[in-house]
């Protein structure tokens, strides 16, 4: 089921001209972020992003490209789609 937030994010990714692989990666990372916190990203902010990225590095032992993709996906969501600058 597509939520209004997901539809907005999809539209913004299309307007930006992101590659299909990038769009898929961004959707994956935003979904994981929301699942980790058990809330919609609209209800979360900077501290939750930091906590999640720290979790990826410390608990899941993720590095490099994986963490960068997660960060980029969340930055795109919060800056471009939700129009938050924190």
PDB file of N, CA and C in Angstrom:
ATOM      1  N   UNK A   1       0.840  -1.184   0.000  1.00  0.00           N
ATOM      2  CA  UNK A   1       0.000   0.000   0.000  1.00  0.00           C
ATOM      3  C   UNK A   1       0.884   1.245   0.000  1.00  0.00           C
ATOM      4  N   UNK A   2       0.540   2.181  -0.804  1.00  0.00           N
ATOM      5  CA  UNK A   2       1.331   3.395  -0.954  1.00  0.00           C
ATOM      6  C   UNK A   2       0.759   4.501  -0.067  1.00  0.00           C
ATOM      7  N   UNK A   3       1.619   5.046   0.777  1.00  0.00           N
ATOM      8  CA  UNK A   3       1.206   6.147   1.645  1.00  0.00           C
ATOM      9  C   UNK A   3       1.435   7.478   0.941  1.00  0.00           C
ATOM     10  N   UNK A   4       0.817   8.557   1.421  1.00  0.00           N
ATOM     11  CA  UNK A   4       1.080   9.868   0.824  1.00  0.00           C
ATOM     12  C   UNK A   4       2.574  10.233   0.860  1.00  0.00           C
ATOM     13  N   UNK A   5       3.245   9.875   1.949  1.00  0.00           N
ATOM     14  CA  UNK A   5       4.677  10.163   2.042  1.00  0.00           C
ATOM     15  C   UNK A   5       5.454   9.392   0.978  1.00  0.00           C
ATOM     16  N   UNK A   6       5.140   8.131   0.807  1.00  0.00           N
ATOM     17  CA  UNK A   6       5.838   7.328  -0.206  1.00  0.00           C
ATOM     18  C   UNK A   6       5.577   7.886  -1.604  1.00  0.00           C
ATOM     19  N   UNK A   7       4.351   8.287  -1.881  1.00  0.00           N
ATOM     20  CA  UNK A   7       4.037   8.856  -3.193  1.00  0.00           C
ATOM     21  C   UNK A   7       4.810  10.154  -3.422  1.00  0.00           C
ATOM     22  N   UNK A   8       4.890  10.990  -2.397  1.00  0.00           N
ATOM     23  CA  UNK A   8       5.648  12.242  -2.519  1.00  0.00           C
ATOM     24  C   UNK A   8       7.124  11.966  -2.751  1.00  0.00           C
ATOM     25  N   UNK A   9       7.651  10.998  -2.018  1.00  0.00           N
ATOM     26  CA  UNK A   9       9.070  10.652  -2.173  1.00  0.00           C
ATOM     27  C   UNK A   9       9.330  10.113  -3.576  1.00  0.00           C
ATOM     28  N   UNK A  10       8.424   9.257  -4.069  1.00  0.00           N
ATOM     29  CA  UNK A  10       8.563   8.712  -5.427  1.00  0.00           C
ATOM     30  C   UNK A  10       8.562   9.845  -6.454  1.00  0.00           C
ATOM     31  N   UNK A  11       7.645  10.762  -6.303  1.00  0.00           N
ATOM     32  CA  UNK A  11       7.556  11.906  -7.220  1.00  0.00           C
ATOM     33  C   UNK A  11       8.844  12.721  -7.190  1.00  0.00           C
ATOM     34  N   UNK A  12       9.339  12.996  -5.999  1.00  0.00           N
ATOM     35  CA  UNK A  12      10.556  13.795  -5.869  1.00  0.00           C
ATOM     36  C   UNK A  12      11.766  13.087  -6.466  1.00  0.00           C
ATOM     37  N   UNK A  13      11.828  11.780  -6.329  1.00  0.00           N
ATOM     38  CA  UNK A  13      12.941  11.027  -6.911  1.00  0.00           C
ATOM     39  C   UNK A  13      12.858  11.054  -8.437  1.00  0.00           C
ATOM     40  N   UNK A  14      11.639  10.962  -8.969  1.00  0.00           N
ATOM     41  CA  UNK A  14      11.446  11.051 -10.422  1.00  0.00           C
ATOM     42  C   UNK A  14      11.852  12.428 -10.931  1.00  0.00           C
ATOM     43  N   UNK A  15      11.417  13.466 -10.223  1.00  0.00           N
ATOM     44  CA  UNK A  15      11.754  14.831 -10.632  1.00  0.00           C
ATOM     45  C   UNK A  15      13.260  15.074 -10.590  1.00  0.00           C
ATOM     46  N   UNK A  16      13.926  14.463  -9.653  1.00  0.00           N
ATOM     47  CA  UNK A  16      15.376  14.603  -9.526  1.00  0.00           C
ATOM     48  C   UNK A  16      16.111  13.781 -10.589  1.00  0.00           C
ATOM     49  N   UNK A  17      15.425  12.818 -11.192  1.00  0.00           N
ATOM     50  CA  UNK A  17      16.043  11.995 -12.225  1.00  0.00           C
ATOM     51  C   UNK A  17      16.961  10.918 -11.682  1.00  0.00           C
ATOM     52  N   UNK A  18      16.650  10.422 -10.485  1.00  0.00           N
ATOM     53  CA  UNK A  18      17.494   9.396  -9.879  1.00  0.00           C
ATOM     54  C   UNK A  18      17.401   8.085 -10.655  1.00  0.00           C
ATOM     55  N   UNK A  19      18.498   7.363 -10.701  1.00  0.00           N
ATOM     56  CA  UNK A  19      18.536   6.052 -11.352  1.00  0.00           C
ATOM     57  C   UNK A  19      17.659   5.066 -10.587  1.00  0.00           C
ATOM     58  N   UNK A  20      17.162   4.062 -11.284  1.00  0.00           N
ATOM     59  CA  UNK A  20      16.296   3.055 -10.664  1.00  0.00           C
ATOM     60  C   UNK A  20      16.977   2.394  -9.465  1.00  0.00           C
ATOM     61  N   UNK A  21      18.265   2.097  -9.594  1.00  0.00           N
ATOM     62  CA  UNK A  21      18.976   1.453  -8.473  1.00  0.00           C
ATOM     63  C   UNK A  21      19.048   2.379  -7.270  1.00  0.00           C
ATOM     64  N   UNK A  22      19.232   3.652  -7.502  1.00  0.00           N
ATOM     65  CA  UNK A  22      19.271   4.624  -6.403  1.00  0.00           C
ATOM     66  C   UNK A  22      17.898   4.740  -5.758  1.00  0.00           C
ATOM     67  N   UNK A  23      16.854   4.815  -6.575  1.00  0.00           N
ATOM     68  CA  UNK A  23      15.498   4.898  -6.029  1.00  0.00           C
ATOM     69  C   UNK A  23      15.185   3.679  -5.163  1.00  0.00           C
ATOM     70  N   UNK A  24      15.537   2.506  -5.646  1.00  0.00           N
ATOM     71  CA  UNK A  24      15.293   1.273  -4.883  1.00  0.00           C
ATOM     72  C   UNK A  24      16.059   1.287  -3.569  1.00  0.00           C
ATOM     73  N   UNK A  25      17.310   1.719  -3.616  1.00  0.00           N
ATOM     74  CA  UNK A  25      18.127   1.776  -2.402  1.00  0.00           C
ATOM     75  C   UNK A  25      17.546   2.780  -1.404  1.00  0.00           C
ATOM     76  N   UNK A  26      17.106   3.933  -1.882  1.00  0.00           N
ATOM     77  CA  UNK A  26      16.531   4.938  -0.987  1.00  0.00           C
ATOM     78  C   UNK A  26      15.257   4.427  -0.328  1.00  0.00           C
ATOM     79  N   UNK A  27      14.409   3.781  -1.100  1.00  0.00           N
ATOM     80  CA  UNK A  27      13.170   3.225  -0.538  1.00  0.00           C
ATOM     81  C   UNK A  27      13.500   2.179   0.534  1.00  0.00           C
ATOM     82  N   UNK A  28      14.448   1.317   0.228  1.00  0.00           N
ATOM     83  CA  UNK A  28      14.877   0.279   1.172  1.00  0.00           C
ATOM     84  C   UNK A  28      15.375   0.907   2.475  1.00  0.00           C
ATOM     85  N   UNK A  29      16.245   1.897   2.372  1.00  0.00           N
ATOM     86  CA  UNK A  29      16.838   2.486   3.577  1.00  0.00           C
ATOM     87  C   UNK A  29      15.827   3.276   4.400  1.00  0.00           C
ATOM     88  N   UNK A  30      14.935   3.979   3.760  1.00  0.00           N
ATOM     89  CA  UNK A  30      13.911   4.718   4.508  1.00  0.00           C
ATOM     90  C   UNK A  30      12.971   3.732   5.216  1.00  0.00           C
ATOM     91  N   UNK A  31      12.619   2.639   4.541  1.00  0.00           N
ATOM     92  CA  UNK A  31      11.768   1.623   5.162  1.00  0.00           C
ATOM     93  C   UNK A  31      12.456   1.018   6.385  1.00  0.00           C
ATOM     94  N   UNK A  32      13.741   0.680   6.261  1.00  0.00           N
ATOM     95  CA  UNK A  32      14.482   0.111   7.400  1.00  0.00           C
ATOM     96  C   UNK A  32      14.541   1.090   8.566  1.00  0.00           C
ATOM     97  N   UNK A  33      14.753   2.360   8.265  1.00  0.00           N
ATOM     98  CA  UNK A  33      14.798   3.412   9.286  1.00  0.00           C
ATOM     99  C   UNK A  33      13.463   3.483  10.033  1.00  0.00           C
ATOM    100  N   UNK A  34      12.363   3.493   9.284  1.00  0.00           N
ATOM    101  CA  UNK A  34      11.034   3.549   9.896  1.00  0.00           C
ATOM    102  C   UNK A  34      10.762   2.296  10.719  1.00  0.00           C
ATOM    103  N   UNK A  35      11.142   1.141  10.206  1.00  0.00           N
ATOM    104  CA  UNK A  35      10.943  -0.113  10.943  1.00  0.00           C
ATOM    105  C   UNK A  35      11.775  -0.152  12.216  1.00  0.00           C
ATOM    106  N   UNK A  36      12.989   0.351  12.153  1.00  0.00           N
ATOM    107  CA  UNK A  36      13.866   0.378  13.326  1.00  0.00           C
ATOM    108  C   UNK A  36      13.208   1.166  14.456  1.00  0.00           C
ATOM    109  N   UNK A  37      12.615   2.301  14.114  1.00  0.00           N
ATOM    110  CA  UNK A  37      11.983   3.149  15.138  1.00  0.00           C
ATOM    111  C   UNK A  37      10.518   2.816  15.367  1.00  0.00           C
ATOM    112  N   UNK A  38       9.906   2.056  14.476  1.00  0.00           N
ATOM    113  CA  UNK A  38       8.504   1.704  14.636  1.00  0.00           C
ATOM    114  C   UNK A  38       7.557   2.876  14.450  1.00  0.00           C
ATOM    115  N   UNK A  39       7.997   3.859  13.659  1.00  0.00           N
ATOM    116  CA  UNK A  39       7.186   5.055  13.426  1.00  0.00           C
ATOM    117  C   UNK A  39       7.408   5.554  12.008  1.00  0.00           C
ATOM    118  N   UNK A  40       6.481   6.371  11.553  1.00  0.00           N
ATOM    119  CA  UNK A  40       6.645   7.035  10.263  1.00  0.00           C
ATOM    120  C   UNK A  40       7.809   8.017  10.360  1.00  0.00           C
ATOM    121  N   UNK A  41       8.606   8.137   9.302  1.00  0.00           N
ATOM    122  CA  UNK A  41       9.691   9.118   9.313  1.00  0.00           C
ATOM    123  C   UNK A  41       9.205  10.544   9.547  1.00  0.00           C
ATOM    124  N   UNK A  42       7.963  10.819   9.226  1.00  0.00           N
ATOM    125  CA  UNK A  42       7.406  12.159   9.464  1.00  0.00           C
ATOM    126  C   UNK A  42       7.413  12.516  10.945  1.00  0.00           C
ATOM    127  N   UNK A  43       7.400  11.507  11.808  1.00  0.00           N
ATOM    128  CA  UNK A  43       7.370  11.725  13.253  1.00  0.00           C
ATOM    129  C   UNK A  43       8.756  11.706  13.884  1.00  0.00           C
ATOM    130  N   UNK A  44       9.775  11.517  13.066  1.00  0.00           N
ATOM    131  CA  UNK A  44      11.146  11.389  13.551  1.00  0.00           C
ATOM    132  C   UNK A  44      11.992  12.556  13.085  1.00  0.00           C
ATOM    133  N   UNK A  45      13.157  12.713  13.690  1.00  0.00           N
ATOM    134  CA  UNK A  45      14.018  13.834  13.324  1.00  0.00           C
ATOM    135  C   UNK A  45      15.493  13.504  13.430  1.00  0.00           C
ATOM    136  N   UNK A  46      16.272  14.540  13.636  1.00  0.00           N
ATOM    137  CA  UNK A  46      17.726  14.445  13.618  1.00  0.00           C
ATOM    138  C   UNK A  46      18.278  13.426  14.610  1.00  0.00           C
ATOM    139  N   UNK A  47      17.815  13.447  15.820  1.00  0.00           N
ATOM    140  CA  UNK A  47      18.348  12.517  16.828  1.00  0.00           C
ATOM    141  C   UNK A  47      18.078  11.068  16.455  1.00  0.00           C
ATOM    142  N   UNK A  48      16.912  10.803  15.910  1.00  0.00           N
ATOM    143  CA  UNK A  48      16.591   9.435  15.493  1.00  0.00           C
ATOM    144  C   UNK A  48      17.448   9.003  14.296  1.00  0.00           C
ATOM    145  N   UNK A  49      17.750   9.939  13.421  1.00  0.00           N
ATOM    146  CA  UNK A  49      18.631   9.623  12.293  1.00  0.00           C
ATOM    147  C   UNK A  49      20.019   9.263  12.809  1.00  0.00           C
ATOM    148  N   UNK A  50      20.552  10.073  13.708  1.00  0.00           N
ATOM    149  CA  UNK A  50      21.868   9.797  14.281  1.00  0.00           C
ATOM    150  C   UNK A  50      21.883   8.448  14.992  1.00  0.00           C
ATOM    151  N   UNK A  51      20.844   8.191  15.769  1.00  0.00           N
ATOM    152  CA  UNK A  51      20.752   6.921  16.488  1.00  0.00           C
ATOM    153  C   UNK A  51      20.753   5.745  15.511  1.00  0.00           C
ATOM    154  N   UNK A  52      20.005   5.858  14.437  1.00  0.00           N
ATOM    155  CA  UNK A  52      19.923   4.776  13.450  1.00  0.00           C
ATOM    156  C   UNK A  52      21.260   4.562  12.737  1.00  0.00           C
ATOM    157  N   UNK A  53      21.901   5.635  12.312  1.00  0.00           N
ATOM    158  CA  UNK A  53      23.194   5.503  11.636  1.00  0.00           C
ATOM    159  C   UNK A  53      24.241   4.906  12.581  1.00  0.00           C
ATOM    160  N   UNK A  54      24.198   5.314  13.834  1.00  0.00           N
ATOM    161  CA  UNK A  54      25.109   4.753  14.836  1.00  0.00           C
ATOM    162  C   UNK A  54      24.839   3.256  15.016  1.00  0.00           C
ATOM    163  N   UNK A  55      23.568   2.895  15.046  1.00  0.00           N
ATOM    164  CA  UNK A  55      23.182   1.481  15.133  1.00  0.00           C
ATOM    165  C   UNK A  55      23.747   0.692  13.947  1.00  0.00           C
ATOM    166  N   UNK A  56      23.630   1.239  12.747  1.00  0.00           N
ATOM    167  CA  UNK A  56      24.161   0.540  11.565  1.00  0.00           C
ATOM    168  C   UNK A  56      25.661   0.290  11.696  1.00  0.00           C
ATOM    169  N   UNK A  57      26.375   1.278  12.200  1.00  0.00           N
ATOM    170  CA  UNK A  57      27.827   1.159  12.314  1.00  0.00           C
ATOM    171  C   UNK A  57      28.230   0.249  13.469  1.00  0.00           C
ATOM    172  N   UNK A  58      27.637   0.456  14.637  1.00  0.00           N
ATOM    173  CA  UNK A  58      28.076  -0.272  15.834  1.00  0.00           C
ATOM    174  C   UNK A  58      27.467  -1.660  15.978  1.00  0.00           C
ATOM    175  N   UNK A  59      26.175  -1.781  15.717  1.00  0.00           N
ATOM    176  CA  UNK A  59      25.495  -3.059  15.932  1.00  0.00           C
ATOM    177  C   UNK A  59      25.526  -3.965  14.707  1.00  0.00           C
ATOM    178  N   UNK A  60      25.257  -3.393  13.548  1.00  0.00           N
ATOM    179  CA  UNK A  60      25.234  -4.200  12.327  1.00  0.00           C
ATOM    180  C   UNK A  60      26.598  -4.260  11.641  1.00  0.00           C
ATOM    181  N   UNK A  61      27.536  -3.462  12.172  1.00  0.00           N
ATOM    182  CA  UNK A  61      28.906  -3.441  11.625  1.00  0.00           C
ATOM    183  C   UNK A  61      28.937  -3.057  10.145  1.00  0.00           C
ATOM    184  N   UNK A  62      28.041  -2.163   9.749  1.00  0.00           N
ATOM    185  CA  UNK A  62      27.989  -1.690   8.362  1.00  0.00           C
ATOM    186  C   UNK A  62      29.016  -0.588   8.185  1.00  0.00           C
ATOM    187  N   UNK A  63      29.543  -0.473   6.994  1.00  0.00           N
ATOM    188  CA  UNK A  63      30.554   0.523   6.688  1.00  0.00           C
ATOM    189  C   UNK A  63      30.329   1.113   5.294  1.00  0.00           C
ATOM    190  N   UNK A  64      31.089   2.139   4.986  1.00  0.00           N
ATOM    191  CA  UNK A  64      31.200   2.679   3.651  1.00  0.00           C
ATOM    192  C   UNK A  64      29.907   2.937   2.911  1.00  0.00           C
ATOM    193  N   UNK A  65      29.788   2.284   1.765  1.00  0.00           N
ATOM    194  CA  UNK A  65      28.691   2.526   0.843  1.00  0.00           C
ATOM    195  C   UNK A  65      27.330   2.322   1.495  1.00  0.00           C
ATOM    196  N   UNK A  66      27.183   1.290   2.299  1.00  0.00           N
ATOM    197  CA  UNK A  66      25.896   0.992   2.926  1.00  0.00           C
ATOM    198  C   UNK A  66      25.437   2.166   3.795  1.00  0.00           C
ATOM    199  N   UNK A  67      26.307   2.633   4.674  1.00  0.00           N
ATOM    200  CA  UNK A  67      25.955   3.737   5.579  1.00  0.00           C
ATOM    201  C   UNK A  67      25.764   5.026   4.782  1.00  0.00           C
ATOM    202  N   UNK A  68      26.587   5.245   3.773  1.00  0.00           N
ATOM    203  CA  UNK A  68      26.431   6.437   2.937  1.00  0.00           C
ATOM    204  C   UNK A  68      25.095   6.438   2.210  1.00  0.00           C
ATOM    205  N   UNK A  69      24.681   5.288   1.704  1.00  0.00           N
ATOM    206  CA  UNK A  69      23.372   5.198   1.047  1.00  0.00           C
ATOM    207  C   UNK A  69      22.249   5.479   2.043  1.00  0.00           C
ATOM    208  N   UNK A  70      22.349   4.925   3.236  1.00  0.00           N
ATOM    209  CA  UNK A  70      21.327   5.176   4.259  1.00  0.00           C
ATOM    210  C   UNK A  70      21.251   6.666   4.579  1.00  0.00           C
ATOM    211  N   UNK A  71      22.415   7.280   4.788  1.00  0.00           N
ATOM    212  CA  UNK A  71      22.466   8.713   5.076  1.00  0.00           C
ATOM    213  C   UNK A  71      21.866   9.523   3.922  1.00  0.00           C
ATOM    214  N   UNK A  72      22.264   9.213   2.702  1.00  0.00           N
ATOM    215  CA  UNK A  72      21.769   9.948   1.537  1.00  0.00           C
ATOM    216  C   UNK A  72      20.263   9.794   1.362  1.00  0.00           C
ATOM    217  N   UNK A  73      19.764   8.590   1.607  1.00  0.00           N
ATOM    218  CA  UNK A  73      18.323   8.342   1.499  1.00  0.00           C
ATOM    219  C   UNK A  73      17.553   9.176   2.509  1.00  0.00           C
ATOM    220  N   UNK A  74      18.045   9.220   3.738  1.00  0.00           N
ATOM    221  CA  UNK A  74      17.365   9.978   4.784  1.00  0.00           C
ATOM    222  C   UNK A  74      17.495  11.482   4.541  1.00  0.00           C
ATOM    223  N   UNK A  75      18.654  11.904   4.085  1.00  0.00           N
ATOM    224  CA  UNK A  75      18.833  13.326   3.764  1.00  0.00           C
ATOM    225  C   UNK A  75      17.879  13.743   2.648  1.00  0.00           C
ATOM    226  N   UNK A  76      17.772  12.933   1.605  1.00  0.00           N
ATOM    227  CA  UNK A  76      16.859  13.242   0.506  1.00  0.00           C
ATOM    228  C   UNK A  76      15.423  13.347   1.035  1.00  0.00           C
ATOM    229  N   UNK A  77      15.027  12.385   1.847  1.00  0.00           N
ATOM    230  CA  UNK A  77      13.673  12.388   2.396  1.00  0.00           C
ATOM    231  C   UNK A  77      13.400  13.643   3.204  1.00  0.00           C
ATOM    232  N   UNK A  78      14.298  13.958   4.139  1.00  0.00           N
ATOM    233  CA  UNK A  78      14.039  15.073   5.054  1.00  0.00           C
ATOM    234  C   UNK A  78      14.228  16.445   4.404  1.00  0.00           C
ATOM    235  N   UNK A  79      15.198  16.580   3.531  1.00  0.00           N
ATOM    236  CA  UNK A  79      15.453  17.887   2.920  1.00  0.00           C
ATOM    237  C   UNK A  79      14.539  18.131   1.730  1.00  0.00           C
ATOM    238  N   UNK A  80      14.436  17.156   0.854  1.00  0.00           N
ATOM    239  CA  UNK A  80      13.704  17.375  -0.403  1.00  0.00           C
ATOM    240  C   UNK A  80      12.209  17.104  -0.254  1.00  0.00           C
ATOM    241  N   UNK A  81      11.838  15.954   0.313  1.00  0.00           N
ATOM    242  CA  UNK A  81      10.426  15.579   0.357  1.00  0.00           C
ATOM    243  C   UNK A  81       9.704  16.250   1.534  1.00  0.00           C
ATOM    244  N   UNK A  82      10.277  16.163   2.723  1.00  0.00           N
ATOM    245  CA  UNK A  82       9.620  16.745   3.889  1.00  0.00           C
ATOM    246  C   UNK A  82       9.966  18.218   4.087  1.00  0.00           C
ATOM    247  N   UNK A  83      10.927  18.706   3.281  1.00  0.00           N
ATOM    248  CA  UNK A  83      11.334  20.112   3.319  1.00  0.00           C
ATOM    249  C   UNK A  83      11.732  20.574   4.716  1.00  0.00           C
ATOM    250  N   UNK A  84      12.480  19.723   5.385  1.00  0.00           N
ATOM    251  CA  UNK A  84      13.024  20.074   6.701  1.00  0.00           C
ATOM    252  C   UNK A  84      14.516  20.322   6.535  1.00  0.00           C
ATOM    253  N   UNK A  85      14.952  21.377   7.135  1.00  0.00           N
ATOM    254  CA  UNK A  85      16.383  21.658   7.163  1.00  0.00           C
ATOM    255  C   UNK A  85      16.753  21.740   8.617  1.00  0.00           C
ATOM    256  N   UNK A  86      17.420  20.681   9.082  1.00  0.00           N
ATOM    257  CA  UNK A  86      17.793  20.631  10.513  1.00  0.00           C
ATOM    258  C   UNK A  86      19.272  20.599  10.650  1.00  0.00           C
TER     259      UNK A  86
END
